[in-house]
Amino acid sequence: MKNAKSIIEKFSQAKILVIGDLILDEYIKGDVERISPEAPVPVVWAKDHFHVPGGAANVASNLASFGASVSLAGVVGNDKNREILLEELRKRNINTRAVAEEKGRRTTLKSRVIARNQQVVRVDWEDVKSLQPQTRDSLQDFIQAHIKDFDAVIVEDYGKGVIDEFLLGIIISEANKHNKIITVDPKEEHFELYKKVTAITPNRKEAQNAVRYLKMKDDKNAFKIYNDELITDGDIKKAGNALMEHLELGSLLLTLGEHGMELFEKGKEPQHIPTVAQNVFDVSGAGDTAIATFTLSLCAGASKLEAAKIANYAAGIVVGIVGTATITQKELIDRIER
C-alpha cells in the first residue's frame, strides 16, 4: 500500500462526530486455581480491575488514539458509572458536550471477568427503552446546529435506545445536506433506516439477520439468496449486492472475522480483502476499530478500497489484544510496513 502512510498521517486533521449507544466496559482480570465448593464454577483470584469506554465511546476512543478531533453524542444515566465513563472520556480528550444525562436511565455497563486471557463470564447492566422526548430533542438540536463543523459522522447502533427512526432520519438528512461522510455500524433490526449513507459496516451475522428480515418483507425476491448463513463467496456477494441496491448505499464493508473483509461499491465488482491478523485473542471492539479507521481514511482522501485495506490492518492488530483496545498512527503504519 504505497499511499497508506500519507493517508494515516492525515488522521489528526479530521473532525469526527460519533453518535450512538454509550457503554462502559469493566474488566476484572485474574487467575484460576480451583473450582468453587459452592457451585461447579471457577474461582477467579482477581488481580486487576479497570474500566474503558465501550460501544460508541470505544469508537470515539479509537479516533482519539489516532489523533483525530472527536465529539461524542449519546446518553448516560444519573449514576456512578456515568462519572466513571465521563472521566475515562476526558482522559482521552474526547469532547462530551453532546452527551445527555437522563434521569431514571442507567448507564450501560458490561462487566467481563477474564482469567489467563480467557473470558469466564460477562454481566450486562442496561436499559434499552426509547429516549425521553427532551433527551432526543437535545441530541437533535446539537446535530442540526453543529454537524456542519465536522468532516464525518459515525453512527454506532447497538440497539440500546439512542438510535431510532426519527433521530437517524435527522442525522442522515443533515449529513447529506452538508455533504458529510456518514458511516454506520448497524443493528440488523434497523437496516431499512440506513438508506443513502456513505457506508455501513456489518459483520457476517448482522448481514445474515438483515437479509432474513428483509427477505420476509420483500415481494420482489431481491433477497432470495442461495444460503441464509452466507457461507460461500457466492452467498456473500449476492447478499451484499442486494443490500447495496435496496439501501442505495455508497458502499458496504462486510467484516468476516478470520476471513477478512468484503468491500462492495456502487458500480464496481466486490473486492475481497484477506485477513492480516497474526493472533486472535479477543474480537470485542474490532468492529469499532474498523469503522473508525475506515472513516478516518475516507476523510484523509483515501479511496474506499484503500480505506478498507487500512481498516483491515487496524482490526488485525486489536484482535491480538485482550479487552477493548485502541492503537496509534505509529502502530498502524509499522504494521502495514512490516
C-alpha atoms as a PDB file:
ATOM      1  CA  MET A   1       0.000   0.000   0.000  1.00  0.00           C
ATOM      2  CA  LYS A   2       2.046   2.902  -1.298  1.00  0.00           C
ATOM      3  CA  ASN A   3      -0.261   5.653  -0.019  1.00  0.00           C
ATOM      4  CA  ALA A   4      -1.045   4.174   3.408  1.00  0.00           C
ATOM      5  CA  LYS A   5       1.478   6.204   5.421  1.00  0.00           C
ATOM      6  CA  SER A   6       0.472   9.560   3.903  1.00  0.00           C
ATOM      7  CA  ILE A   7      -3.212   8.733   4.463  1.00  0.00           C
ATOM      8  CA  ILE A   8      -2.712   7.723   8.106  1.00  0.00           C
ATOM      9  CA  GLU A   9      -0.612  10.803   8.866  1.00  0.00           C
ATOM     10  CA  LYS A  10      -3.628  12.938   7.896  1.00  0.00           C
ATOM     11  CA  PHE A  11      -5.855  11.297  10.529  1.00  0.00           C
ATOM     12  CA  SER A  12      -5.071  14.046  13.035  1.00  0.00           C
ATOM     13  CA  GLN A  13      -6.614  16.660  10.711  1.00  0.00           C
ATOM     14  CA  ALA A  14     -10.075  15.055  10.818  1.00  0.00           C
ATOM     15  CA  LYS A  15     -13.024  16.257  12.900  1.00  0.00           C
ATOM     16  CA  ILE A  16     -15.484  13.438  13.622  1.00  0.00           C
ATOM     17  CA  LEU A  17     -18.862  13.304  15.370  1.00  0.00           C
ATOM     18  CA  VAL A  18     -19.769   9.919  16.847  1.00  0.00           C
ATOM     19  CA  ILE A  19     -23.439   9.351  17.690  1.00  0.00           C
ATOM     20  CA  GLY A  20     -24.819   6.259  19.363  1.00  0.00           C
ATOM     21  CA  ASP A  21     -25.113   3.998  22.376  1.00  0.00           C
ATOM     22  CA  LEU A  22     -22.531   4.666  25.079  1.00  0.00           C
ATOM     23  CA  ILE A  23     -21.211   1.712  27.071  1.00  0.00           C
ATOM     24  CA  LEU A  24     -18.808   1.431  29.985  1.00  0.00           C
ATOM     25  CA  ASP A  25     -16.678  -1.721  29.767  1.00  0.00           C
ATOM     26  CA  GLU A  26     -15.457  -3.128  33.079  1.00  0.00           C
ATOM     27  CA  TYR A  27     -12.672  -5.707  33.250  1.00  0.00           C
ATOM     28  CA  ILE A  28     -11.782  -7.931  36.194  1.00  0.00           C
ATOM     29  CA  LYS A  29      -8.639  -9.941  35.468  1.00  0.00           C
ATOM     30  CA  GLY A  30      -7.034 -12.704  37.460  1.00  0.00           C
ATOM     31  CA  ASP A  31      -6.033 -16.368  37.697  1.00  0.00           C
ATOM     32  CA  VAL A  32      -7.995 -19.574  38.217  1.00  0.00           C
ATOM     33  CA  GLU A  33      -6.555 -22.188  40.546  1.00  0.00           C
ATOM     34  CA  ARG A  34      -9.609 -24.107  41.759  1.00  0.00           C
ATOM     35  CA  ILE A  35     -13.319 -24.801  41.340  1.00  0.00           C
ATOM     36  CA  SER A  36     -15.725 -23.242  43.811  1.00  0.00           C
ATOM     37  CA  PRO A  37     -17.128 -25.563  46.521  1.00  0.00           C
ATOM     38  CA  GLU A  38     -20.411 -23.644  46.228  1.00  0.00           C
ATOM     39  CA  ALA A  39     -21.081 -24.432  42.547  1.00  0.00           C
ATOM     40  CA  PRO A  40     -19.229 -26.021  39.579  1.00  0.00           C
ATOM     41  CA  VAL A  41     -17.663 -22.708  38.527  1.00  0.00           C
ATOM     42  CA  PRO A  42     -14.062 -21.450  38.604  1.00  0.00           C
ATOM     43  CA  VAL A  43     -12.872 -19.194  41.388  1.00  0.00           C
ATOM     44  CA  VAL A  44     -11.069 -16.216  39.867  1.00  0.00           C
ATOM     45  CA  TRP A  45      -8.352 -14.705  42.018  1.00  0.00           C
ATOM     46  CA  ALA A  46      -8.741 -11.078  40.948  1.00  0.00           C
ATOM     47  CA  LYS A  47      -5.511  -9.139  40.388  1.00  0.00           C
ATOM     48  CA  ASP A  48      -6.574  -6.211  38.201  1.00  0.00           C
ATOM     49  CA  HIS A  49      -9.723  -4.127  37.790  1.00  0.00           C
ATOM     50  CA  PHE A  50     -10.259  -1.267  35.337  1.00  0.00           C
ATOM     51  CA  HIS A  51     -12.778   0.479  33.069  1.00  0.00           C
ATOM     52  CA  VAL A  52     -12.590   1.591  29.429  1.00  0.00           C
ATOM     53  CA  PRO A  53     -15.124   3.282  27.130  1.00  0.00           C
ATOM     54  CA  GLY A  54     -17.215   0.853  25.059  1.00  0.00           C
ATOM     55  CA  GLY A  55     -19.793   0.973  22.272  1.00  0.00           C
ATOM     56  CA  ALA A  56     -19.903   4.364  20.574  1.00  0.00           C
ATOM     57  CA  ALA A  57     -17.466   5.581  23.225  1.00  0.00           C
ATOM     58  CA  ASN A  58     -14.928   2.974  22.085  1.00  0.00           C
ATOM     59  CA  VAL A  59     -15.206   4.225  18.507  1.00  0.00           C
ATOM     60  CA  ALA A  60     -14.520   7.720  19.824  1.00  0.00           C
ATOM     61  CA  SER A  61     -11.523   6.359  21.759  1.00  0.00           C
ATOM     62  CA  ASN A  62     -10.138   4.750  18.605  1.00  0.00           C
ATOM     63  CA  LEU A  63     -10.476   8.026  16.713  1.00  0.00           C
ATOM     64  CA  ALA A  64      -8.821   9.991  19.515  1.00  0.00           C
ATOM     65  CA  SER A  65      -5.964   7.476  19.743  1.00  0.00           C
ATOM     66  CA  PHE A  66      -5.282   8.147  16.058  1.00  0.00           C
ATOM     67  CA  GLY A  67      -5.068  11.873  16.825  1.00  0.00           C
ATOM     68  CA  ALA A  68      -8.424  12.977  15.389  1.00  0.00           C
ATOM     69  CA  SER A  69     -10.614  15.656  16.962  1.00  0.00           C
ATOM     70  CA  VAL A  70     -13.648  13.802  18.321  1.00  0.00           C
ATOM     71  CA  SER A  71     -17.035  14.796  19.719  1.00  0.00           C
ATOM     72  CA  LEU A  72     -19.391  12.227  21.200  1.00  0.00           C
ATOM     73  CA  ALA A  73     -23.202  12.365  21.289  1.00  0.00           C
ATOM     74  CA  GLY A  74     -25.212   9.883  23.329  1.00  0.00           C
ATOM     75  CA  VAL A  75     -26.954   9.265  26.637  1.00  0.00           C
ATOM     76  CA  VAL A  76     -25.872   8.235  30.129  1.00  0.00           C
ATOM     77  CA  GLY A  77     -27.780   7.708  33.345  1.00  0.00           C
ATOM     78  CA  ASN A  78     -27.532   9.574  36.620  1.00  0.00           C
ATOM     79  CA  ASP A  79     -25.339   7.048  38.420  1.00  0.00           C
ATOM     80  CA  LYS A  80     -21.758   6.313  39.456  1.00  0.00           C
ATOM     81  CA  ASN A  81     -20.974   4.627  36.136  1.00  0.00           C
ATOM     82  CA  ARG A  82     -21.756   7.905  34.358  1.00  0.00           C
ATOM     83  CA  GLU A  83     -18.950   9.587  36.303  1.00  0.00           C
ATOM     84  CA  ILE A  84     -16.514   6.754  35.566  1.00  0.00           C
ATOM     85  CA  LEU A  85     -17.318   6.824  31.841  1.00  0.00           C
ATOM     86  CA  LEU A  86     -17.083  10.608  31.515  1.00  0.00           C
ATOM     87  CA  GLU A  87     -13.757  10.625  33.371  1.00  0.00           C
ATOM     88  CA  GLU A  88     -12.367   7.959  31.016  1.00  0.00           C
ATOM     89  CA  LEU A  89     -13.507  10.042  28.027  1.00  0.00           C
ATOM     90  CA  ARG A  90     -11.896  13.190  29.434  1.00  0.00           C
ATOM     91  CA  LYS A  91      -8.601  11.312  29.813  1.00  0.00           C
ATOM     92  CA  ARG A  92      -8.748  10.641  26.074  1.00  0.00           C
ATOM     93  CA  ASN A  93      -9.515  14.258  25.106  1.00  0.00           C
ATOM     94  CA  ILE A  94     -12.968  13.354  23.768  1.00  0.00           C
ATOM     95  CA  ASN A  95     -15.492  16.192  23.713  1.00  0.00           C
ATOM     96  CA  THR A  96     -18.624  15.192  25.659  1.00  0.00           C
ATOM     97  CA  ARG A  97     -20.708  18.371  25.335  1.00  0.00           C
ATOM     98  CA  ALA A  98     -23.398  16.421  23.429  1.00  0.00           C
ATOM     99  CA  VAL A  99     -23.634  13.597  25.984  1.00  0.00           C
ATOM    100  CA  ALA A 100     -27.047  13.927  27.632  1.00  0.00           C
ATOM    101  CA  GLU A 101     -27.929  12.721  31.125  1.00  0.00           C
ATOM    102  CA  GLU A 102     -31.330  11.087  31.516  1.00  0.00           C
ATOM    103  CA  LYS A 103     -32.887  10.548  34.927  1.00  0.00           C
ATOM    104  CA  GLY A 104     -34.302   7.099  35.505  1.00  0.00           C
ATOM    105  CA  ARG A 105     -31.923   5.522  32.996  1.00  0.00           C
ATOM    106  CA  ARG A 106     -28.852   3.541  33.933  1.00  0.00           C
ATOM    107  CA  THR A 107     -25.515   3.936  32.190  1.00  0.00           C
ATOM    108  CA  THR A 108     -24.905   0.737  30.212  1.00  0.00           C
ATOM    109  CA  LEU A 109     -22.240  -1.393  31.919  1.00  0.00           C
ATOM    110  CA  LYS A 110     -20.687  -4.593  30.561  1.00  0.00           C
ATOM    111  CA  SER A 111     -18.598  -6.392  33.179  1.00  0.00           C
ATOM    112  CA  ARG A 112     -16.156  -9.057  31.962  1.00  0.00           C
ATOM    113  CA  VAL A 113     -14.249 -11.493  34.158  1.00  0.00           C
ATOM    114  CA  ILE A 114     -11.070 -12.711  32.440  1.00  0.00           C
ATOM    115  CA  ALA A 115      -8.751 -15.440  33.664  1.00  0.00           C
ATOM    116  CA  ARG A 116      -5.475 -16.128  31.858  1.00  0.00           C
ATOM    117  CA  ASN A 117      -6.584 -14.297  28.713  1.00  0.00           C
ATOM    118  CA  GLN A 118      -9.893 -16.207  28.576  1.00  0.00           C
ATOM    119  CA  GLN A 119     -13.246 -14.580  29.261  1.00  0.00           C
ATOM    120  CA  VAL A 120     -15.051 -16.519  32.004  1.00  0.00           C
ATOM    121  CA  VAL A 121     -18.323 -14.593  32.148  1.00  0.00           C
ATOM    122  CA  ARG A 122     -19.888 -11.286  31.077  1.00  0.00           C
ATOM    123  CA  VAL A 123     -22.594  -9.460  33.023  1.00  0.00           C
ATOM    124  CA  ASP A 124     -24.615  -6.679  31.346  1.00  0.00           C
ATOM    125  CA  TRP A 125     -26.486  -3.879  33.128  1.00  0.00           C
ATOM    126  CA  GLU A 126     -28.508  -1.778  30.706  1.00  0.00           C
ATOM    127  CA  ASP A 127     -31.747  -0.059  29.737  1.00  0.00           C
ATOM    128  CA  VAL A 128     -32.954  -0.386  26.145  1.00  0.00           C
ATOM    129  CA  LYS A 129     -36.059   1.768  26.357  1.00  0.00           C
ATOM    130  CA  SER A 130     -36.653   4.685  24.000  1.00  0.00           C
ATOM    131  CA  LEU A 131     -35.248   8.084  24.920  1.00  0.00           C
ATOM    132  CA  GLN A 132     -37.380  10.628  26.701  1.00  0.00           C
ATOM    133  CA  PRO A 133     -38.587  13.412  24.339  1.00  0.00           C
ATOM    134  CA  GLN A 134     -36.410  16.084  25.945  1.00  0.00           C
ATOM    135  CA  THR A 135     -33.317  13.860  25.606  1.00  0.00           C
ATOM    136  CA  ARG A 136     -33.980  13.218  21.912  1.00  0.00           C
ATOM    137  CA  ASP A 137     -34.614  16.944  21.369  1.00  0.00           C
ATOM    138  CA  SER A 138     -31.246  17.736  22.942  1.00  0.00           C
ATOM    139  CA  LEU A 139     -29.439  15.398  20.549  1.00  0.00           C
ATOM    140  CA  GLN A 140     -31.415  16.692  17.569  1.00  0.00           C
ATOM    141  CA  ASP A 141     -30.615  20.305  18.421  1.00  0.00           C
ATOM    142  CA  PHE A 142     -26.898  19.553  18.649  1.00  0.00           C
ATOM    143  CA  ILE A 143     -26.843  17.669  15.344  1.00  0.00           C
ATOM    144  CA  GLN A 144     -28.672  20.400  13.440  1.00  0.00           C
ATOM    145  CA  ALA A 145     -26.556  23.177  14.942  1.00  0.00           C
ATOM    146  CA  HIS A 146     -23.107  21.598  14.658  1.00  0.00           C
ATOM    147  CA  ILE A 147     -22.961  18.873  12.006  1.00  0.00           C
ATOM    148  CA  LYS A 148     -21.518  21.377   9.528  1.00  0.00           C
ATOM    149  CA  ASP A 149     -18.433  21.643  11.760  1.00  0.00           C
ATOM    150  CA  PHE A 150     -17.418  18.004  11.233  1.00  0.00           C
ATOM    151  CA  ASP A 151     -15.838  16.104   8.342  1.00  0.00           C
ATOM    152  CA  ALA A 152     -17.769  12.912   9.039  1.00  0.00           C
ATOM    153  CA  VAL A 153     -20.428  11.355  11.234  1.00  0.00           C
ATOM    154  CA  ILE A 154     -20.221   7.812  12.602  1.00  0.00           C
ATOM    155  CA  VAL A 155     -23.452   6.198  13.818  1.00  0.00           C
ATOM    156  CA  GLU A 156     -22.968   3.375  16.337  1.00  0.00           C
ATOM    157  CA  ASP A 157     -26.245   1.481  16.681  1.00  0.00           C
ATOM    158  CA  TYR A 158     -26.117  -1.102  19.476  1.00  0.00           C
ATOM    159  CA  GLY A 159     -29.887  -1.221  19.905  1.00  0.00           C
ATOM    160  CA  LYS A 160     -29.855   0.380  23.362  1.00  0.00           C
ATOM    161  CA  GLY A 161     -32.430   3.073  22.535  1.00  0.00           C
ATOM    162  CA  VAL A 162     -30.419   6.055  21.264  1.00  0.00           C
ATOM    163  CA  ILE A 163     -30.688   5.364  17.520  1.00  0.00           C
ATOM    164  CA  ASP A 164     -34.273   5.260  16.254  1.00  0.00           C
ATOM    165  CA  GLU A 165     -36.059   6.122  13.016  1.00  0.00           C
ATOM    166  CA  PHE A 166     -36.623   9.758  13.960  1.00  0.00           C
ATOM    167  CA  LEU A 167     -33.077  10.572  15.102  1.00  0.00           C
ATOM    168  CA  LEU A 168     -31.451   8.603  12.288  1.00  0.00           C
ATOM    169  CA  GLY A 169     -33.600  10.473   9.771  1.00  0.00           C
ATOM    170  CA  ILE A 170     -32.297  13.766  11.166  1.00  0.00           C
ATOM    171  CA  ILE A 171     -28.678  12.550  11.104  1.00  0.00           C
ATOM    172  CA  ILE A 172     -28.787  11.285   7.507  1.00  0.00           C
ATOM    173  CA  SER A 173     -30.716  14.296   6.223  1.00  0.00           C
ATOM    174  CA  GLU A 174     -28.361  16.810   7.840  1.00  0.00           C
ATOM    175  CA  ALA A 175     -25.201  14.903   6.856  1.00  0.00           C
ATOM    176  CA  ASN A 176     -26.291  14.664   3.220  1.00  0.00           C
ATOM    177  CA  LYS A 177     -27.395  18.294   3.159  1.00  0.00           C
ATOM    178  CA  HIS A 178     -23.900  19.366   4.217  1.00  0.00           C
ATOM    179  CA  ASN A 179     -22.101  16.752   2.046  1.00  0.00           C
ATOM    180  CA  LYS A 180     -20.612  14.949   5.040  1.00  0.00           C
ATOM    181  CA  ILE A 181     -19.308  11.398   5.118  1.00  0.00           C
ATOM    182  CA  ILE A 182     -21.688   9.209   7.129  1.00  0.00           C
ATOM    183  CA  THR A 183     -20.797   5.659   8.159  1.00  0.00           C
ATOM    184  CA  VAL A 184     -22.945   3.284  10.197  1.00  0.00           C
ATOM    185  CA  ASP A 185     -22.162   0.315  12.411  1.00  0.00           C
ATOM    186  CA  PRO A 186     -25.617  -1.247  12.010  1.00  0.00           C
ATOM    187  CA  LYS A 187     -28.169  -3.113  14.087  1.00  0.00           C
ATOM    188  CA  GLU A 188     -29.966  -5.664  11.929  1.00  0.00           C
ATOM    189  CA  GLU A 189     -33.470  -4.633  13.065  1.00  0.00           C
ATOM    190  CA  HIS A 190     -32.801  -1.107  11.781  1.00  0.00           C
ATOM    191  CA  PHE A 191     -31.304  -1.921   8.378  1.00  0.00           C
ATOM    192  CA  GLU A 192     -34.112  -0.291   6.434  1.00  0.00           C
ATOM    193  CA  LEU A 193     -33.320   3.013   8.147  1.00  0.00           C
ATOM    194  CA  TYR A 194     -29.766   3.297   6.773  1.00  0.00           C
ATOM    195  CA  LYS A 195     -30.638   4.329   3.230  1.00  0.00           C
ATOM    196  CA  LYS A 196     -28.338   6.687   1.326  1.00  0.00           C
ATOM    197  CA  VAL A 197     -25.389   6.680   3.725  1.00  0.00           C
ATOM    198  CA  THR A 198     -21.739   6.604   2.634  1.00  0.00           C
ATOM    199  CA  ALA A 199     -21.141   3.140   4.071  1.00  0.00           C
ATOM    200  CA  ILE A 200     -22.373   0.552   6.535  1.00  0.00           C
ATOM    201  CA  THR A 201     -20.019  -1.951   8.204  1.00  0.00           C
ATOM    202  CA  PRO A 202     -21.955  -5.067   9.288  1.00  0.00           C
ATOM    203  CA  ASN A 203     -20.336  -8.302  10.348  1.00  0.00           C
ATOM    204  CA  ARG A 204     -21.408 -11.610   8.823  1.00  0.00           C
ATOM    205  CA  LYS A 205     -24.071 -12.315  11.473  1.00  0.00           C
ATOM    206  CA  GLU A 206     -25.599  -8.849  11.166  1.00  0.00           C
ATOM    207  CA  ALA A 207     -25.735  -9.140   7.379  1.00  0.00           C
ATOM    208  CA  GLN A 208     -27.326 -12.601   7.636  1.00  0.00           C
ATOM    209  CA  ASN A 209     -30.014 -11.400  10.020  1.00  0.00           C
ATOM    210  CA  ALA A 210     -30.670  -8.291   7.942  1.00  0.00           C
ATOM    211  CA  VAL A 211     -31.132 -10.357   4.788  1.00  0.00           C
ATOM    212  CA  ARG A 212     -33.508 -12.725   6.575  1.00  0.00           C
ATOM    213  CA  TYR A 213     -35.526  -9.825   7.949  1.00  0.00           C
ATOM    214  CA  LEU A 214     -35.723  -8.003   4.625  1.00  0.00           C
ATOM    215  CA  LYS A 215     -36.421 -11.258   2.796  1.00  0.00           C
ATOM    216  CA  MET A 216     -39.595 -11.777   4.840  1.00  0.00           C
ATOM    217  CA  LYS A 217     -40.862  -8.330   3.852  1.00  0.00           C
ATOM    218  CA  ASP A 218     -39.790  -8.496   0.190  1.00  0.00           C
ATOM    219  CA  ASP A 219     -42.294  -9.286  -2.548  1.00  0.00           C
ATOM    220  CA  LYS A 220     -39.786  -8.986  -5.427  1.00  0.00           C
ATOM    221  CA  ASN A 221     -37.383 -11.714  -4.293  1.00  0.00           C
ATOM    222  CA  ALA A 222     -34.469  -9.263  -4.261  1.00  0.00           C
ATOM    223  CA  PHE A 223     -33.184 -11.003  -1.150  1.00  0.00           C
ATOM    224  CA  LYS A 224     -33.548 -14.578  -2.370  1.00  0.00           C
ATOM    225  CA  ILE A 225     -30.043 -15.912  -1.761  1.00  0.00           C
ATOM    226  CA  TYR A 226     -28.516 -19.361  -2.026  1.00  0.00           C
ATOM    227  CA  ASN A 227     -27.901 -19.792   1.687  1.00  0.00           C
ATOM    228  CA  ASP A 228     -29.183 -17.751   4.620  1.00  0.00           C
ATOM    229  CA  GLU A 229     -25.950 -18.481   6.509  1.00  0.00           C
ATOM    230  CA  LEU A 230     -23.804 -16.601   3.936  1.00  0.00           C
ATOM    231  CA  ILE A 231     -21.298 -19.437   3.874  1.00  0.00           C
ATOM    232  CA  THR A 232     -19.951 -19.312   0.313  1.00  0.00           C
ATOM    233  CA  ASP A 233     -18.418 -16.433  -1.614  1.00  0.00           C
ATOM    234  CA  GLY A 234     -21.473 -16.510  -3.855  1.00  0.00           C
ATOM    235  CA  ASP A 235     -23.828 -16.158  -0.884  1.00  0.00           C
ATOM    236  CA  ILE A 236     -21.838 -13.194   0.423  1.00  0.00           C
ATOM    237  CA  LYS A 237     -21.670 -11.394  -2.917  1.00  0.00           C
ATOM    238  CA  LYS A 238     -25.363 -11.860  -3.690  1.00  0.00           C
ATOM    239  CA  ALA A 239     -26.442 -10.660  -0.242  1.00  0.00           C
ATOM    240  CA  GLY A 240     -24.080  -7.684  -0.314  1.00  0.00           C
ATOM    241  CA  ASN A 241     -25.217  -6.598  -3.762  1.00  0.00           C
ATOM    242  CA  ALA A 242     -28.874  -6.894  -2.731  1.00  0.00           C
ATOM    243  CA  LEU A 243     -28.282  -4.761   0.389  1.00  0.00           C
ATOM    244  CA  MET A 244     -26.374  -2.190  -1.661  1.00  0.00           C
ATOM    245  CA  GLU A 245     -29.233  -1.832  -4.123  1.00  0.00           C
ATOM    246  CA  HIS A 246     -32.053  -1.891  -1.576  1.00  0.00           C
ATOM    247  CA  LEU A 247     -30.442   0.694   0.723  1.00  0.00           C
ATOM    248  CA  GLU A 248     -28.966   2.854  -2.076  1.00  0.00           C
ATOM    249  CA  LEU A 249     -25.580   2.780  -0.359  1.00  0.00           C
ATOM    250  CA  GLY A 250     -22.327   4.317  -1.472  1.00  0.00           C
ATOM    251  CA  SER A 251     -20.527   1.248  -0.136  1.00  0.00           C
ATOM    252  CA  LEU A 252     -20.794  -1.717   2.221  1.00  0.00           C
ATOM    253  CA  LEU A 253     -17.829  -3.112   4.138  1.00  0.00           C
ATOM    254  CA  LEU A 254     -18.706  -6.616   5.335  1.00  0.00           C
ATOM    255  CA  THR A 255     -16.390  -7.890   8.079  1.00  0.00           C
ATOM    256  CA  LEU A 256     -15.865 -11.665   8.014  1.00  0.00           C
ATOM    257  CA  GLY A 257     -13.691 -12.397  11.070  1.00  0.00           C
ATOM    258  CA  GLU A 258     -10.819 -14.721  10.206  1.00  0.00           C
ATOM    259  CA  HIS A 259     -11.815 -14.484   6.536  1.00  0.00           C
ATOM    260  CA  GLY A 260     -11.081 -10.762   6.299  1.00  0.00           C
ATOM    261  CA  MET A 261     -13.486  -8.303   4.682  1.00  0.00           C
ATOM    262  CA  GLU A 262     -15.584  -7.902   1.532  1.00  0.00           C
ATOM    263  CA  LEU A 263     -15.977  -4.406   0.080  1.00  0.00           C
ATOM    264  CA  PHE A 264     -18.978  -3.524  -2.073  1.00  0.00           C
ATOM    265  CA  GLU A 265     -19.008  -0.245  -4.008  1.00  0.00           C
ATOM    266  CA  LYS A 266     -21.662   1.217  -6.229  1.00  0.00           C
ATOM    267  CA  GLY A 267     -20.924   0.337  -9.865  1.00  0.00           C
ATOM    268  CA  LYS A 268     -17.935  -1.902  -9.058  1.00  0.00           C
ATOM    269  CA  GLU A 269     -17.240  -5.583  -8.549  1.00  0.00           C
ATOM    270  CA  PRO A 270     -16.941  -6.715  -4.894  1.00  0.00           C
ATOM    271  CA  GLN A 271     -13.377  -6.813  -3.565  1.00  0.00           C
ATOM    272  CA  HIS A 272     -12.219  -9.442  -1.076  1.00  0.00           C
ATOM    273  CA  ILE A 273      -9.602  -8.322   1.467  1.00  0.00           C
ATOM    274  CA  PRO A 274      -7.863 -11.251   3.240  1.00  0.00           C
ATOM    275  CA  THR A 275      -7.245 -11.001   6.973  1.00  0.00           C
ATOM    276  CA  VAL A 276      -3.826  -9.886   8.194  1.00  0.00           C
ATOM    277  CA  ALA A 277      -4.392 -10.844  11.855  1.00  0.00           C
ATOM    278  CA  GLN A 278      -1.439 -12.777  13.277  1.00  0.00           C
ATOM    279  CA  ASN A 279      -3.003 -13.691  16.639  1.00  0.00           C
ATOM    280  CA  VAL A 280      -6.643 -13.634  17.694  1.00  0.00           C
ATOM    281  CA  PHE A 281      -7.271 -13.338  21.437  1.00  0.00           C
ATOM    282  CA  ASP A 282     -10.346 -11.075  21.604  1.00  0.00           C
ATOM    283  CA  VAL A 283     -12.628  -9.844  18.807  1.00  0.00           C
ATOM    284  CA  SER A 284     -14.593  -7.455  21.062  1.00  0.00           C
ATOM    285  CA  GLY A 285     -14.175  -3.931  19.719  1.00  0.00           C
ATOM    286  CA  ALA A 286     -12.612  -4.978  16.400  1.00  0.00           C
ATOM    287  CA  GLY A 287     -15.632  -3.643  14.503  1.00  0.00           C
ATOM    288  CA  ASP A 288     -15.294  -0.328  16.334  1.00  0.00           C
ATOM    289  CA  THR A 289     -11.656  -0.061  15.267  1.00  0.00           C
ATOM    290  CA  ALA A 290     -12.565  -0.963  11.684  1.00  0.00           C
ATOM    291  CA  ILE A 291     -15.260   1.694  11.250  1.00  0.00           C
ATOM    292  CA  ALA A 292     -13.114   4.341  12.944  1.00  0.00           C
ATOM    293  CA  THR A 293     -10.141   3.629  10.680  1.00  0.00           C
ATOM    294  CA  PHE A 294     -12.271   3.297   7.535  1.00  0.00           C
ATOM    295  CA  THR A 295     -13.960   6.662   8.193  1.00  0.00           C
ATOM    296  CA  LEU A 296     -10.722   8.463   9.026  1.00  0.00           C
ATOM    297  CA  SER A 297      -9.138   7.132   5.854  1.00  0.00           C
ATOM    298  CA  LEU A 298     -12.028   8.490   3.770  1.00  0.00           C
ATOM    299  CA  CYS A 299     -11.622  11.866   5.499  1.00  0.00           C
ATOM    300  CA  ALA A 300      -7.915  11.756   4.571  1.00  0.00           C
ATOM    301  CA  GLY A 301      -8.755  11.344   0.881  1.00  0.00           C
ATOM    302  CA  ALA A 302      -8.396   7.573   0.538  1.00  0.00           C
ATOM    303  CA  SER A 303     -10.457   5.597  -1.935  1.00  0.00           C
ATOM    304  CA  LYS A 304     -12.932   3.196  -0.356  1.00  0.00           C
ATOM    305  CA  LEU A 305     -10.690   0.256  -1.250  1.00  0.00           C
ATOM    306  CA  GLU A 306      -7.638   1.921   0.305  1.00  0.00           C
ATOM    307  CA  ALA A 307      -9.734   2.779   3.377  1.00  0.00           C
ATOM    308  CA  ALA A 308     -10.948  -0.817   3.686  1.00  0.00           C
ATOM    309  CA  LYS A 309      -7.423  -2.219   3.440  1.00  0.00           C
ATOM    310  CA  ILE A 310      -6.144   0.153   6.127  1.00  0.00           C
ATOM    311  CA  ALA A 311      -9.134  -0.719   8.355  1.00  0.00           C
ATOM    312  CA  ASN A 312      -8.353  -4.407   7.857  1.00  0.00           C
ATOM    313  CA  TYR A 313      -4.818  -3.883   9.171  1.00  0.00           C
ATOM    314  CA  ALA A 314      -6.102  -1.928  12.187  1.00  0.00           C
ATOM    315  CA  ALA A 315      -8.645  -4.629  13.067  1.00  0.00           C
ATOM    316  CA  GLY A 316      -5.916  -7.249  12.655  1.00  0.00           C
ATOM    317  CA  ILE A 317      -3.906  -5.550  15.388  1.00  0.00           C
ATOM    318  CA  VAL A 318      -6.651  -5.130  18.010  1.00  0.00           C
ATOM    319  CA  VAL A 319      -7.887  -8.738  17.845  1.00  0.00           C
ATOM    320  CA  GLY A 320      -4.463  -9.716  19.144  1.00  0.00           C
ATOM    321  CA  ILE A 321      -5.052  -7.716  22.339  1.00  0.00           C
ATOM    322  CA  VAL A 322      -7.266  -8.955  25.186  1.00  0.00           C
ATOM    323  CA  GLY A 323     -10.004  -6.448  26.001  1.00  0.00           C
ATOM    324  CA  THR A 324     -11.300  -3.376  24.229  1.00  0.00           C
ATOM    325  CA  ALA A 325      -8.221  -1.801  22.674  1.00  0.00           C
ATOM    326  CA  THR A 326      -7.068   1.182  20.619  1.00  0.00           C
ATOM    327  CA  ILE A 327      -3.942   1.763  18.539  1.00  0.00           C
ATOM    328  CA  THR A 328      -1.886   4.731  17.365  1.00  0.00           C
ATOM    329  CA  GLN A 329      -0.879   6.028  13.942  1.00  0.00           C
ATOM    330  CA  LYS A 330       2.650   4.732  14.503  1.00  0.00           C
ATOM    331  CA  GLU A 331       1.490   1.218  15.417  1.00  0.00           C
ATOM    332  CA  LEU A 332      -0.702   1.057  12.327  1.00  0.00           C
ATOM    333  CA  ILE A 333       1.994   2.376   9.980  1.00  0.00           C
ATOM    334  CA  ASP A 334       4.582  -0.021  11.440  1.00  0.00           C
ATOM    335  CA  ARG A 335       2.212  -2.980  10.991  1.00  0.00           C
ATOM    336  CA  ILE A 336       1.461  -2.104   7.371  1.00  0.00           C
ATOM    337  CA  GLU A 337       5.129  -1.543   6.543  1.00  0.00           C
ATOM    338  CA  ARG A 338       6.030  -4.941   8.022  1.00  0.00           C
END
